[in-house]
Amino acid sequence: MRAGAPLAMALALAGCATRAAAPPPELLTARAAVVQAQDNPLSPLAIAELRQAEEALAIAERVARERPRSTIARDAAYVARRKAQCSLLSSLVRANRSALVRARQSQRAATQRARPGGEP
């Protein structure tokens, strides 16, 4: 029985160490948001915003390592998540604006072709 005690103690300590190293849930959410923004096929349309999100995530990661359960760590993760969301939304807005411009140009061209002589 005594021979198993050191093994049990080692396993218990390893379990505690694993739990202590787990990142805060806010950081996990921020990481997922940045990955989603990076994987967005429209991300080249909002590259500056994506870089800001990545930089904010790096700050959140550092703060979470230094002060894992602090309010500042949660706040930094929140900022990173929101910047990632801004990146996604900016890329969608820019893609929609571009599509709108193309649609208007197409409509003007069709209207001009429909007029006799093609004059405006």
PDB file of N, CA and C in Angstrom:
ATOM      1  N   MET A   1       0.807  -1.197   0.000  1.00  0.00           N
ATOM      2  CA  MET A   1       0.000   0.000   0.000  1.00  0.00           C
ATOM      3  C   MET A   1       0.851   1.261   0.000  1.00  0.00           C
ATOM      4  N   ARG A   2       1.895   1.272   0.792  1.00  0.00           N
ATOM      5  CA  ARG A   2       2.734   2.456   0.903  1.00  0.00           C
ATOM      6  C   ARG A   2       3.488   2.725  -0.394  1.00  0.00           C
ATOM      7  N   ALA A   3       3.745   1.698  -1.183  1.00  0.00           N
ATOM      8  CA  ALA A   3       4.474   1.884  -2.436  1.00  0.00           C
ATOM      9  C   ALA A   3       3.661   2.718  -3.420  1.00  0.00           C
ATOM     10  N   GLY A   4       2.351   2.641  -3.353  1.00  0.00           N
ATOM     11  CA  GLY A   4       1.498   3.395  -4.271  1.00  0.00           C
ATOM     12  C   GLY A   4       1.289   4.837  -3.853  1.00  0.00           C
ATOM     13  N   ALA A   5       1.624   5.184  -2.620  1.00  0.00           N
ATOM     14  CA  ALA A   5       1.394   6.539  -2.115  1.00  0.00           C
ATOM     15  C   ALA A   5       2.168   7.594  -2.901  1.00  0.00           C
ATOM     16  N   PRO A   6       3.460   7.394  -3.189  1.00  0.00           N
ATOM     17  CA  PRO A   6       4.153   8.428  -3.967  1.00  0.00           C
ATOM     18  C   PRO A   6       3.555   8.623  -5.360  1.00  0.00           C
ATOM     19  N   LEU A   7       3.134   7.527  -5.972  1.00  0.00           N
ATOM     20  CA  LEU A   7       2.519   7.633  -7.295  1.00  0.00           C
ATOM     21  C   LEU A   7       1.216   8.418  -7.216  1.00  0.00           C
ATOM     22  N   ALA A   8       0.405   8.119  -6.220  1.00  0.00           N
ATOM     23  CA  ALA A   8      -0.862   8.832  -6.049  1.00  0.00           C
ATOM     24  C   ALA A   8      -0.616  10.317  -5.802  1.00  0.00           C
ATOM     25  N   MET A   9       0.395  10.619  -4.994  1.00  0.00           N
ATOM     26  CA  MET A   9       0.718  12.015  -4.707  1.00  0.00           C
ATOM     27  C   MET A   9       1.182  12.731  -5.980  1.00  0.00           C
ATOM     28  N   ALA A  10       2.005  12.073  -6.767  1.00  0.00           N
ATOM     29  CA  ALA A  10       2.496  12.669  -8.009  1.00  0.00           C
ATOM     30  C   ALA A  10       1.348  12.936  -8.971  1.00  0.00           C
ATOM     31  N   LEU A  11       0.429  11.991  -9.089  1.00  0.00           N
ATOM     32  CA  LEU A  11      -0.726  12.185  -9.969  1.00  0.00           C
ATOM     33  C   LEU A  11      -1.613  13.322  -9.477  1.00  0.00           C
ATOM     34  N   ALA A  12      -1.807  13.408  -8.177  1.00  0.00           N
ATOM     35  CA  ALA A  12      -2.630  14.479  -7.620  1.00  0.00           C
ATOM     36  C   ALA A  12      -1.998  15.841  -7.888  1.00  0.00           C
ATOM     37  N   LEU A  13      -0.695  15.934  -7.697  1.00  0.00           N
ATOM     38  CA  LEU A  13      -0.009  17.200  -7.957  1.00  0.00           C
ATOM     39  C   LEU A  13      -0.029  17.556  -9.434  1.00  0.00           C
ATOM     40  N   ALA A  14       0.117  16.567 -10.286  1.00  0.00           N
ATOM     41  CA  ALA A  14       0.063  16.824 -11.726  1.00  0.00           C
ATOM     42  C   ALA A  14      -1.313  17.339 -12.115  1.00  0.00           C
ATOM     43  N   GLY A  15      -2.349  16.784 -11.522  1.00  0.00           N
ATOM     44  CA  GLY A  15      -3.709  17.243 -11.799  1.00  0.00           C
ATOM     45  C   GLY A  15      -3.914  18.678 -11.367  1.00  0.00           C
ATOM     46  N   CYS A  16      -3.374  19.050 -10.218  1.00  0.00           N
ATOM     47  CA  CYS A  16      -3.482  20.432  -9.739  1.00  0.00           C
ATOM     48  C   CYS A  16      -2.743  21.388 -10.663  1.00  0.00           C
ATOM     49  N   ALA A  17      -1.582  20.978 -11.106  1.00  0.00           N
ATOM     50  CA  ALA A  17      -0.798  21.839 -11.991  1.00  0.00           C
ATOM     51  C   ALA A  17      -1.512  22.052 -13.307  1.00  0.00           C
ATOM     52  N   THR A  18      -2.168  21.022 -13.812  1.00  0.00           N
ATOM     53  CA  THR A  18      -2.890  21.137 -15.073  1.00  0.00           C
ATOM     54  C   THR A  18      -4.049  22.113 -14.936  1.00  0.00           C
ATOM     55  N   ARG A  19      -4.783  22.017 -13.837  1.00  0.00           N
ATOM     56  CA  ARG A  19      -5.913  22.914 -13.640  1.00  0.00           C
ATOM     57  C   ARG A  19      -5.452  24.364 -13.492  1.00  0.00           C
ATOM     58  N   ALA A  20      -4.356  24.584 -12.808  1.00  0.00           N
ATOM     59  CA  ALA A  20      -3.871  25.947 -12.592  1.00  0.00           C
ATOM     60  C   ALA A  20      -3.402  26.586 -13.902  1.00  0.00           C
ATOM     61  N   ALA A  21      -2.947  25.764 -14.841  1.00  0.00           N
ATOM     62  CA  ALA A  21      -2.424  26.294 -16.094  1.00  0.00           C
ATOM     63  C   ALA A  21      -3.517  26.564 -17.123  1.00  0.00           C
ATOM     64  N   ALA A  22      -4.730  26.157 -16.841  1.00  0.00           N
ATOM     65  CA  ALA A  22      -5.817  26.347 -17.803  1.00  0.00           C
ATOM     66  C   ALA A  22      -6.079  27.838 -17.997  1.00  0.00           C
ATOM     67  N   PRO A  23      -6.176  28.280 -19.239  1.00  0.00           N
ATOM     68  CA  PRO A  23      -6.425  29.706 -19.494  1.00  0.00           C
ATOM     69  C   PRO A  23      -7.850  30.085 -19.098  1.00  0.00           C
ATOM     70  N   PRO A  24      -8.054  31.342 -18.774  1.00  0.00           N
ATOM     71  CA  PRO A  24      -9.402  31.788 -18.428  1.00  0.00           C
ATOM     72  C   PRO A  24     -10.344  31.642 -19.627  1.00  0.00           C
ATOM     73  N   PRO A  25     -11.616  31.401 -19.377  1.00  0.00           N
ATOM     74  CA  PRO A  25     -12.568  31.209 -20.483  1.00  0.00           C
ATOM     75  C   PRO A  25     -12.651  32.405 -21.423  1.00  0.00           C
ATOM     76  N   GLU A  26     -12.480  33.605 -20.891  1.00  0.00           N
ATOM     77  CA  GLU A  26     -12.522  34.799 -21.743  1.00  0.00           C
ATOM     78  C   GLU A  26     -11.398  34.772 -22.779  1.00  0.00           C
ATOM     79  N   LEU A  27     -10.256  34.250 -22.378  1.00  0.00           N
ATOM     80  CA  LEU A  27      -9.128  34.164 -23.303  1.00  0.00           C
ATOM     81  C   LEU A  27      -9.402  33.123 -24.384  1.00  0.00           C
ATOM     82  N   LEU A  28     -10.023  32.018 -23.994  1.00  0.00           N
ATOM     83  CA  LEU A  28     -10.381  30.998 -24.988  1.00  0.00           C
ATOM     84  C   LEU A  28     -11.359  31.565 -26.015  1.00  0.00           C
ATOM     85  N   THR A  29     -12.309  32.348 -25.536  1.00  0.00           N
ATOM     86  CA  THR A  29     -13.283  32.980 -26.431  1.00  0.00           C
ATOM     87  C   THR A  29     -12.591  33.975 -27.364  1.00  0.00           C
ATOM     88  N   ALA A  30     -11.649  34.741 -26.828  1.00  0.00           N
ATOM     89  CA  ALA A  30     -10.912  35.708 -27.652  1.00  0.00           C
ATOM     90  C   ALA A  30     -10.086  34.992 -28.710  1.00  0.00           C
ATOM     91  N   ARG A  31      -9.437  33.901 -28.323  1.00  0.00           N
ATOM     92  CA  ARG A  31      -8.649  33.131 -29.294  1.00  0.00           C
ATOM     93  C   ARG A  31      -9.538  32.631 -30.427  1.00  0.00           C
ATOM     94  N   ALA A  32     -10.692  32.097 -30.070  1.00  0.00           N
ATOM     95  CA  ALA A  32     -11.613  31.572 -31.086  1.00  0.00           C
ATOM     96  C   ALA A  32     -12.080  32.682 -32.024  1.00  0.00           C
ATOM     97  N   ALA A  33     -12.341  33.856 -31.475  1.00  0.00           N
ATOM     98  CA  ALA A  33     -12.792  34.981 -32.303  1.00  0.00           C
ATOM     99  C   ALA A  33     -11.699  35.426 -33.273  1.00  0.00           C
ATOM    100  N   VAL A  34     -10.458  35.451 -32.817  1.00  0.00           N
ATOM    101  CA  VAL A  34      -9.354  35.853 -33.698  1.00  0.00           C
ATOM    102  C   VAL A  34      -9.135  34.805 -34.784  1.00  0.00           C
ATOM    103  N   VAL A  35      -9.216  33.534 -34.421  1.00  0.00           N
ATOM    104  CA  VAL A  35      -9.073  32.470 -35.430  1.00  0.00           C
ATOM    105  C   VAL A  35     -10.182  32.578 -36.466  1.00  0.00           C
ATOM    106  N   GLN A  36     -11.395  32.853 -36.009  1.00  0.00           N
ATOM    107  CA  GLN A  36     -12.513  33.013 -36.943  1.00  0.00           C
ATOM    108  C   GLN A  36     -12.251  34.186 -37.892  1.00  0.00           C
ATOM    109  N   ALA A  37     -11.739  35.283 -37.369  1.00  0.00           N
ATOM    110  CA  ALA A  37     -11.425  36.441 -38.216  1.00  0.00           C
ATOM    111  C   ALA A  37     -10.304  36.106 -39.200  1.00  0.00           C
ATOM    112  N   GLN A  38      -9.312  35.350 -38.746  1.00  0.00           N
ATOM    113  CA  GLN A  38      -8.210  34.958 -39.630  1.00  0.00           C
ATOM    114  C   GLN A  38      -8.688  34.021 -40.735  1.00  0.00           C
ATOM    115  N   ASP A  39      -9.625  33.143 -40.406  1.00  0.00           N
ATOM    116  CA  ASP A  39     -10.128  32.170 -41.373  1.00  0.00           C
ATOM    117  C   ASP A  39     -11.165  32.754 -42.325  1.00  0.00           C
ATOM    118  N   ASN A  40     -11.618  33.948 -42.053  1.00  0.00           N
ATOM    119  CA  ASN A  40     -12.614  34.605 -42.882  1.00  0.00           C
ATOM    120  C   ASN A  40     -12.044  34.831 -44.287  1.00  0.00           C
ATOM    121  N   PRO A  41     -12.717  34.343 -45.329  1.00  0.00           N
ATOM    122  CA  PRO A  41     -12.195  34.539 -46.683  1.00  0.00           C
ATOM    123  C   PRO A  41     -12.121  36.012 -47.100  1.00  0.00           C
ATOM    124  N   LEU A  42     -12.849  36.863 -46.418  1.00  0.00           N
ATOM    125  CA  LEU A  42     -12.827  38.291 -46.734  1.00  0.00           C
ATOM    126  C   LEU A  42     -11.809  39.053 -45.893  1.00  0.00           C
ATOM    127  N   SER A  43     -11.031  38.362 -45.080  1.00  0.00           N
ATOM    128  CA  SER A  43     -10.094  39.037 -44.174  1.00  0.00           C
ATOM    129  C   SER A  43      -9.103  39.965 -44.878  1.00  0.00           C
ATOM    130  N   PRO A  44      -8.707  39.703 -46.138  1.00  0.00           N
ATOM    131  CA  PRO A  44      -7.813  40.669 -46.793  1.00  0.00           C
ATOM    132  C   PRO A  44      -8.433  42.065 -46.946  1.00  0.00           C
ATOM    133  N   LEU A  45      -9.744  42.157 -46.866  1.00  0.00           N
ATOM    134  CA  LEU A  45     -10.406  43.458 -46.974  1.00  0.00           C
ATOM    135  C   LEU A  45     -10.300  44.268 -45.683  1.00  0.00           C
ATOM    136  N   ALA A  46      -9.915  43.618 -44.592  1.00  0.00           N
ATOM    137  CA  ALA A  46      -9.802  44.297 -43.296  1.00  0.00           C
ATOM    138  C   ALA A  46      -8.503  43.887 -42.610  1.00  0.00           C
ATOM    139  N   ILE A  47      -7.423  43.949 -43.348  1.00  0.00           N
ATOM    140  CA  ILE A  47      -6.142  43.459 -42.835  1.00  0.00           C
ATOM    141  C   ILE A  47      -5.661  44.284 -41.639  1.00  0.00           C
ATOM    142  N   ALA A  48      -5.879  45.585 -41.657  1.00  0.00           N
ATOM    143  CA  ALA A  48      -5.443  46.432 -40.532  1.00  0.00           C
ATOM    144  C   ALA A  48      -6.198  46.059 -39.259  1.00  0.00           C
ATOM    145  N   GLU A  49      -7.499  45.857 -39.386  1.00  0.00           N
ATOM    146  CA  GLU A  49      -8.301  45.481 -38.230  1.00  0.00           C
ATOM    147  C   GLU A  49      -7.907  44.101 -37.710  1.00  0.00           C
ATOM    148  N   LEU A  50      -7.594  43.188 -38.627  1.00  0.00           N
ATOM    149  CA  LEU A  50      -7.163  41.852 -38.217  1.00  0.00           C
ATOM    150  C   LEU A  50      -5.843  41.930 -37.452  1.00  0.00           C
ATOM    151  N   ARG A  51      -4.920  42.744 -37.923  1.00  0.00           N
ATOM    152  CA  ARG A  51      -3.633  42.903 -37.218  1.00  0.00           C
ATOM    153  C   ARG A  51      -3.856  43.466 -35.812  1.00  0.00           C
ATOM    154  N   GLN A  52      -4.786  44.411 -35.692  1.00  0.00           N
ATOM    155  CA  GLN A  52      -5.094  44.965 -34.370  1.00  0.00           C
ATOM    156  C   GLN A  52      -5.648  43.887 -33.446  1.00  0.00           C
ATOM    157  N   ALA A  53      -6.490  43.021 -33.979  1.00  0.00           N
ATOM    158  CA  ALA A  53      -7.048  41.927 -33.178  1.00  0.00           C
ATOM    159  C   ALA A  53      -5.951  40.959 -32.747  1.00  0.00           C
ATOM    160  N   GLU A  54      -5.051  40.651 -33.659  1.00  0.00           N
ATOM    161  CA  GLU A  54      -3.946  39.741 -33.327  1.00  0.00           C
ATOM    162  C   GLU A  54      -3.029  40.352 -32.267  1.00  0.00           C
ATOM    163  N   GLU A  55      -2.763  41.649 -32.386  1.00  0.00           N
ATOM    164  CA  GLU A  55      -1.934  42.328 -31.387  1.00  0.00           C
ATOM    165  C   GLU A  55      -2.635  42.364 -30.029  1.00  0.00           C
ATOM    166  N   ALA A  56      -3.930  42.621 -30.040  1.00  0.00           N
ATOM    167  CA  ALA A  56      -4.691  42.638 -28.789  1.00  0.00           C
ATOM    168  C   ALA A  56      -4.712  41.250 -28.151  1.00  0.00           C
ATOM    169  N   LEU A  57      -4.796  40.213 -28.969  1.00  0.00           N
ATOM    170  CA  LEU A  57      -4.762  38.853 -28.428  1.00  0.00           C
ATOM    171  C   LEU A  57      -3.397  38.554 -27.814  1.00  0.00           C
ATOM    172  N   ALA A  58      -2.332  38.993 -28.450  1.00  0.00           N
ATOM    173  CA  ALA A  58      -0.989  38.778 -27.891  1.00  0.00           C
ATOM    174  C   ALA A  58      -0.861  39.460 -26.526  1.00  0.00           C
ATOM    175  N   ILE A  59      -1.417  40.645 -26.409  1.00  0.00           N
ATOM    176  CA  ILE A  59      -1.405  41.354 -25.123  1.00  0.00           C
ATOM    177  C   ILE A  59      -2.224  40.578 -24.099  1.00  0.00           C
ATOM    178  N   ALA A  60      -3.401  40.116 -24.505  1.00  0.00           N
ATOM    179  CA  ALA A  60      -4.256  39.353 -23.593  1.00  0.00           C
ATOM    180  C   ALA A  60      -3.571  38.071 -23.133  1.00  0.00           C
ATOM    181  N   GLU A  61      -2.872  37.411 -24.042  1.00  0.00           N
ATOM    182  CA  GLU A  61      -2.140  36.186 -23.686  1.00  0.00           C
ATOM    183  C   GLU A  61      -1.065  36.505 -22.641  1.00  0.00           C
ATOM    184  N   ARG A  62      -0.333  37.582 -22.862  1.00  0.00           N
ATOM    185  CA  ARG A  62       0.736  37.957 -21.928  1.00  0.00           C
ATOM    186  C   ARG A  62       0.166  38.305 -20.558  1.00  0.00           C
ATOM    187  N   VAL A  63      -0.885  39.108 -20.543  1.00  0.00           N
ATOM    188  CA  VAL A  63      -1.496  39.501 -19.275  1.00  0.00           C
ATOM    189  C   VAL A  63      -2.059  38.275 -18.555  1.00  0.00           C
ATOM    190  N   ALA A  64      -2.657  37.361 -19.299  1.00  0.00           N
ATOM    191  CA  ALA A  64      -3.222  36.156 -18.682  1.00  0.00           C
ATOM    192  C   ALA A  64      -2.132  35.279 -18.073  1.00  0.00           C
ATOM    193  N   ARG A  65      -0.953  35.274 -18.677  1.00  0.00           N
ATOM    194  CA  ARG A  65       0.161  34.510 -18.090  1.00  0.00           C
ATOM    195  C   ARG A  65       0.651  35.170 -16.804  1.00  0.00           C
ATOM    196  N   GLU A  66       0.715  36.499 -16.827  1.00  0.00           N
ATOM    197  CA  GLU A  66       1.249  37.237 -15.682  1.00  0.00           C
ATOM    198  C   GLU A  66       0.250  37.317 -14.529  1.00  0.00           C
ATOM    199  N   ARG A  67      -1.017  37.519 -14.862  1.00  0.00           N
ATOM    200  CA  ARG A  67      -2.065  37.680 -13.838  1.00  0.00           C
ATOM    201  C   ARG A  67      -3.317  36.933 -14.289  1.00  0.00           C
ATOM    202  N   PRO A  68      -3.298  35.607 -14.212  1.00  0.00           N
ATOM    203  CA  PRO A  68      -4.323  34.770 -14.845  1.00  0.00           C
ATOM    204  C   PRO A  68      -5.774  35.049 -14.452  1.00  0.00           C
ATOM    205  N   ARG A  69      -6.043  35.327 -13.228  1.00  0.00           N
ATOM    206  CA  ARG A  69      -7.436  35.496 -12.789  1.00  0.00           C
ATOM    207  C   ARG A  69      -7.808  36.954 -12.532  1.00  0.00           C
ATOM    208  N   SER A  70      -7.031  37.869 -13.044  1.00  0.00           N
ATOM    209  CA  SER A  70      -7.272  39.283 -12.759  1.00  0.00           C
ATOM    210  C   SER A  70      -8.327  39.872 -13.693  1.00  0.00           C
ATOM    211  N   THR A  71      -8.868  40.976 -13.252  1.00  0.00           N
ATOM    212  CA  THR A  71      -9.824  41.714 -14.072  1.00  0.00           C
ATOM    213  C   THR A  71      -9.151  42.227 -15.335  1.00  0.00           C
ATOM    214  N   ILE A  72      -7.914  42.660 -15.210  1.00  0.00           N
ATOM    215  CA  ILE A  72      -7.208  43.182 -16.387  1.00  0.00           C
ATOM    216  C   ILE A  72      -7.011  42.093 -17.437  1.00  0.00           C
ATOM    217  N   ALA A  73      -6.815  40.852 -17.010  1.00  0.00           N
ATOM    218  CA  ALA A  73      -6.675  39.743 -17.971  1.00  0.00           C
ATOM    219  C   ALA A  73      -7.996  39.516 -18.708  1.00  0.00           C
ATOM    220  N   ARG A  74      -9.093  39.561 -17.963  1.00  0.00           N
ATOM    221  CA  ARG A  74     -10.412  39.395 -18.598  1.00  0.00           C
ATOM    222  C   ARG A  74     -10.706  40.559 -19.539  1.00  0.00           C
ATOM    223  N   ASP A  75     -10.362  41.766 -19.103  1.00  0.00           N
ATOM    224  CA  ASP A  75     -10.592  42.946 -19.944  1.00  0.00           C
ATOM    225  C   ASP A  75      -9.769  42.891 -21.231  1.00  0.00           C
ATOM    226  N   ALA A  76      -8.521  42.466 -21.121  1.00  0.00           N
ATOM    227  CA  ALA A  76      -7.661  42.365 -22.308  1.00  0.00           C
ATOM    228  C   ALA A  76      -8.213  41.330 -23.286  1.00  0.00           C
ATOM    229  N   ALA A  77      -8.730  40.234 -22.758  1.00  0.00           N
ATOM    230  CA  ALA A  77      -9.332  39.210 -23.619  1.00  0.00           C
ATOM    231  C   ALA A  77     -10.591  39.757 -24.290  1.00  0.00           C
ATOM    232  N   TYR A  78     -11.369  40.532 -23.544  1.00  0.00           N
ATOM    233  CA  TYR A  78     -12.574  41.151 -24.101  1.00  0.00           C
ATOM    234  C   TYR A  78     -12.214  42.083 -25.258  1.00  0.00           C
ATOM    235  N   VAL A  79     -11.183  42.889 -25.070  1.00  0.00           N
ATOM    236  CA  VAL A  79     -10.750  43.819 -26.122  1.00  0.00           C
ATOM    237  C   VAL A  79     -10.327  43.044 -27.365  1.00  0.00           C
ATOM    238  N   ALA A  80      -9.579  41.970 -27.175  1.00  0.00           N
ATOM    239  CA  ALA A  80      -9.133  41.158 -28.316  1.00  0.00           C
ATOM    240  C   ALA A  80     -10.326  40.559 -29.055  1.00  0.00           C
ATOM    241  N   ARG A  81     -11.299  40.073 -28.294  1.00  0.00           N
ATOM    242  CA  ARG A  81     -12.494  39.488 -28.924  1.00  0.00           C
ATOM    243  C   ARG A  81     -13.256  40.537 -29.724  1.00  0.00           C
ATOM    244  N   ARG A  82     -13.424  41.711 -29.151  1.00  0.00           N
ATOM    245  CA  ARG A  82     -14.169  42.760 -29.845  1.00  0.00           C
ATOM    246  C   ARG A  82     -13.423  43.253 -31.090  1.00  0.00           C
ATOM    247  N   LYS A  83     -12.110  43.332 -31.029  1.00  0.00           N
ATOM    248  CA  LYS A  83     -11.337  43.739 -32.207  1.00  0.00           C
ATOM    249  C   LYS A  83     -11.451  42.688 -33.309  1.00  0.00           C
ATOM    250  N   ALA A  84     -11.501  41.425 -32.934  1.00  0.00           N
ATOM    251  CA  ALA A  84     -11.694  40.364 -33.928  1.00  0.00           C
ATOM    252  C   ALA A  84     -13.068  40.497 -34.577  1.00  0.00           C
ATOM    253  N   GLN A  85     -14.075  40.806 -33.767  1.00  0.00           N
ATOM    254  CA  GLN A  85     -15.413  41.010 -34.316  1.00  0.00           C
ATOM    255  C   GLN A  85     -15.437  42.223 -35.241  1.00  0.00           C
ATOM    256  N   CYS A  86     -14.727  43.277 -34.885  1.00  0.00           N
ATOM    257  CA  CYS A  86     -14.636  44.460 -35.751  1.00  0.00           C
ATOM    258  C   CYS A  86     -13.986  44.105 -37.082  1.00  0.00           C
ATOM    259  N   SER A  87     -12.981  43.256 -37.038  1.00  0.00           N
ATOM    260  CA  SER A  87     -12.323  42.820 -38.269  1.00  0.00           C
ATOM    261  C   SER A  87     -13.315  42.099 -39.175  1.00  0.00           C
ATOM    262  N   LEU A  88     -14.081  41.186 -38.597  1.00  0.00           N
ATOM    263  CA  LEU A  88     -15.087  40.462 -39.385  1.00  0.00           C
ATOM    264  C   LEU A  88     -16.105  41.421 -39.994  1.00  0.00           C
ATOM    265  N   LEU A  89     -16.624  42.303 -39.164  1.00  0.00           N
ATOM    266  CA  LEU A  89     -17.653  43.225 -39.650  1.00  0.00           C
ATOM    267  C   LEU A  89     -17.104  44.201 -40.684  1.00  0.00           C
ATOM    268  N   SER A  90     -15.899  44.683 -40.485  1.00  0.00           N
ATOM    269  CA  SER A  90     -15.292  45.599 -41.462  1.00  0.00           C
ATOM    270  C   SER A  90     -15.125  44.928 -42.817  1.00  0.00           C
ATOM    271  N   SER A  91     -14.704  43.673 -42.802  1.00  0.00           N
ATOM    272  CA  SER A  91     -14.533  42.968 -44.079  1.00  0.00           C
ATOM    273  C   SER A  91     -15.879  42.768 -44.771  1.00  0.00           C
ATOM    274  N   LEU A  92     -16.920  42.484 -44.001  1.00  0.00           N
ATOM    275  CA  LEU A  92     -18.252  42.323 -44.594  1.00  0.00           C
ATOM    276  C   LEU A  92     -18.770  43.638 -45.169  1.00  0.00           C
ATOM    277  N   VAL A  93     -18.581  44.720 -44.437  1.00  0.00           N
ATOM    278  CA  VAL A  93     -19.026  46.036 -44.916  1.00  0.00           C
ATOM    279  C   VAL A  93     -18.314  46.391 -46.213  1.00  0.00           C
ATOM    280  N   ARG A  94     -17.009  46.182 -46.247  1.00  0.00           N
ATOM    281  CA  ARG A  94     -16.251  46.517 -47.458  1.00  0.00           C
ATOM    282  C   ARG A  94     -16.648  45.636 -48.638  1.00  0.00           C
ATOM    283  N   ALA A  95     -16.889  44.372 -48.386  1.00  0.00           N
ATOM    284  CA  ALA A  95     -17.323  43.478 -49.466  1.00  0.00           C
ATOM    285  C   ALA A  95     -18.695  43.896 -49.984  1.00  0.00           C
ATOM    286  N   ASN A  96     -19.593  44.259 -49.079  1.00  0.00           N
ATOM    287  CA  ASN A  96     -20.930  44.682 -49.496  1.00  0.00           C
ATOM    288  C   ASN A  96     -20.899  46.005 -50.246  1.00  0.00           C
ATOM    289  N   ARG A  97     -20.054  46.924 -49.809  1.00  0.00           N
ATOM    290  CA  ARG A  97     -19.923  48.197 -50.541  1.00  0.00           C
ATOM    291  C   ARG A  97     -19.416  47.952 -51.956  1.00  0.00           C
ATOM    292  N   SER A  98     -18.444  47.092 -52.073  1.00  0.00           N
ATOM    293  CA  SER A  98     -17.886  46.771 -53.387  1.00  0.00           C
ATOM    294  C   SER A  98     -18.948  46.128 -54.279  1.00  0.00           C
ATOM    295  N   ALA A  99     -19.724  45.220 -53.713  1.00  0.00           N
ATOM    296  CA  ALA A  99     -20.790  44.573 -54.480  1.00  0.00           C
ATOM    297  C   ALA A  99     -21.848  45.592 -54.897  1.00  0.00           C
ATOM    298  N   LEU A 100     -22.148  46.532 -54.026  1.00  0.00           N
ATOM    299  CA  LEU A 100     -23.129  47.568 -54.344  1.00  0.00           C
ATOM    300  C   LEU A 100     -22.633  48.452 -55.485  1.00  0.00           C
ATOM    301  N   VAL A 101     -21.372  48.829 -55.453  1.00  0.00           N
ATOM    302  CA  VAL A 101     -20.796  49.651 -56.528  1.00  0.00           C
ATOM    303  C   VAL A 101     -20.878  48.901 -57.850  1.00  0.00           C
ATOM    304  N   ARG A 102     -20.522  47.616 -57.844  1.00  0.00           N
ATOM    305  CA  ARG A 102     -20.586  46.819 -59.078  1.00  0.00           C
ATOM    306  C   ARG A 102     -22.021  46.694 -59.584  1.00  0.00           C
ATOM    307  N   ALA A 103     -22.964  46.522 -58.681  1.00  0.00           N
ATOM    308  CA  ALA A 103     -24.365  46.398 -59.082  1.00  0.00           C
ATOM    309  C   ALA A 103     -24.870  47.704 -59.697  1.00  0.00           C
ATOM    310  N   ARG A 104     -24.494  48.820 -59.107  1.00  0.00           N
ATOM    311  CA  ARG A 104     -24.914  50.117 -59.654  1.00  0.00           C
ATOM    312  C   ARG A 104     -24.303  50.361 -61.032  1.00  0.00           C
ATOM    313  N   GLN A 105     -23.036  50.007 -61.189  1.00  0.00           N
ATOM    314  CA  GLN A 105     -22.388  50.162 -62.492  1.00  0.00           C
ATOM    315  C   GLN A 105     -23.063  49.273 -63.531  1.00  0.00           C
ATOM    316  N   SER A 106     -23.394  48.077 -63.150  1.00  0.00           N
ATOM    317  CA  SER A 106     -24.064  47.151 -64.060  1.00  0.00           C
ATOM    318  C   SER A 106     -25.447  47.673 -64.438  1.00  0.00           C
ATOM    319  N   GLN A 107     -26.135  48.226 -63.457  1.00  0.00           N
ATOM    320  CA  GLN A 107     -27.470  48.773 -63.716  1.00  0.00           C
ATOM    321  C   GLN A 107     -27.383  49.966 -64.668  1.00  0.00           C
ATOM    322  N   ARG A 108     -26.414  50.850 -64.462  1.00  0.00           N
ATOM    323  CA  ARG A 108     -26.240  51.997 -65.358  1.00  0.00           C
ATOM    324  C   ARG A 108     -25.934  51.540 -66.780  1.00  0.00           C
ATOM    325  N   ALA A 109     -25.058  50.556 -66.899  1.00  0.00           N
ATOM    326  CA  ALA A 109     -24.701  50.045 -68.225  1.00  0.00           C
ATOM    327  C   ALA A 109     -25.916  49.428 -68.903  1.00  0.00           C
ATOM    328  N   ALA A 110     -26.728  48.700 -68.161  1.00  0.00           N
ATOM    329  CA  ALA A 110     -27.925  48.079 -68.733  1.00  0.00           C
ATOM    330  C   ALA A 110     -28.931  49.143 -69.148  1.00  0.00           C
ATOM    331  N   THR A 111     -29.061  50.189 -68.347  1.00  0.00           N
ATOM    332  CA  THR A 111     -29.980  51.281 -68.676  1.00  0.00           C
ATOM    333  C   THR A 111     -29.531  51.997 -69.941  1.00  0.00           C
ATOM    334  N   GLN A 112     -28.243  52.232 -70.071  1.00  0.00           N
ATOM    335  CA  GLN A 112     -27.719  52.907 -71.261  1.00  0.00           C
ATOM    336  C   GLN A 112     -27.913  52.048 -72.504  1.00  0.00           C
ATOM    337  N   ARG A 113     -27.726  50.751 -72.382  1.00  0.00           N
ATOM    338  CA  ARG A 113     -27.916  49.861 -73.538  1.00  0.00           C
ATOM    339  C   ARG A 113     -29.384  49.789 -73.949  1.00  0.00           C
ATOM    340  N   ALA A 114     -30.271  49.963 -73.000  1.00  0.00           N
ATOM    341  CA  ALA A 114     -31.698  49.862 -73.289  1.00  0.00           C
ATOM    342  C   ALA A 114     -32.236  51.106 -73.992  1.00  0.00           C
ATOM    343  N   ARG A 115     -31.570  52.219 -73.880  1.00  0.00           N
ATOM    344  CA  ARG A 115     -32.015  53.453 -74.520  1.00  0.00           C
ATOM    345  C   ARG A 115     -31.660  53.417 -76.000  1.00  0.00           C
ATOM    346  N   PRO A 116     -32.508  54.043 -76.817  1.00  0.00           N
ATOM    347  CA  PRO A 116     -32.187  54.098 -78.245  1.00  0.00           C
ATOM    348  C   PRO A 116     -30.891  54.879 -78.468  1.00  0.00           C
ATOM    349  N   GLY A 117     -29.996  54.312 -79.191  1.00  0.00           N
ATOM    350  CA  GLY A 117     -28.725  54.963 -79.489  1.00  0.00           C
ATOM    351  C   GLY A 117     -27.723  54.843 -78.361  1.00  0.00           C
ATOM    352  N   GLY A 118     -28.106  54.246 -77.241  1.00  0.00           N
ATOM    353  CA  GLY A 118     -27.200  54.042 -76.124  1.00  0.00           C
ATOM    354  C   GLY A 118     -26.767  55.321 -75.440  1.00  0.00           C
ATOM    355  N   GLU A 119     -27.555  56.407 -75.620  1.00  0.00           N
ATOM    356  CA  GLU A 119     -27.184  57.684 -75.005  1.00  0.00           C
ATOM    357  C   GLU A 119     -27.794  57.791 -73.617  1.00  0.00           C
ATOM    358  N   PRO A 120     -27.110  58.478 -72.728  1.00  0.00           N
ATOM    359  CA  PRO A 120     -27.647  58.665 -71.368  1.00  0.00           C
ATOM    360  C   PRO A 120     -28.828  59.588 -71.316  1.00  0.00           C
TER     361      PRO A 120
END
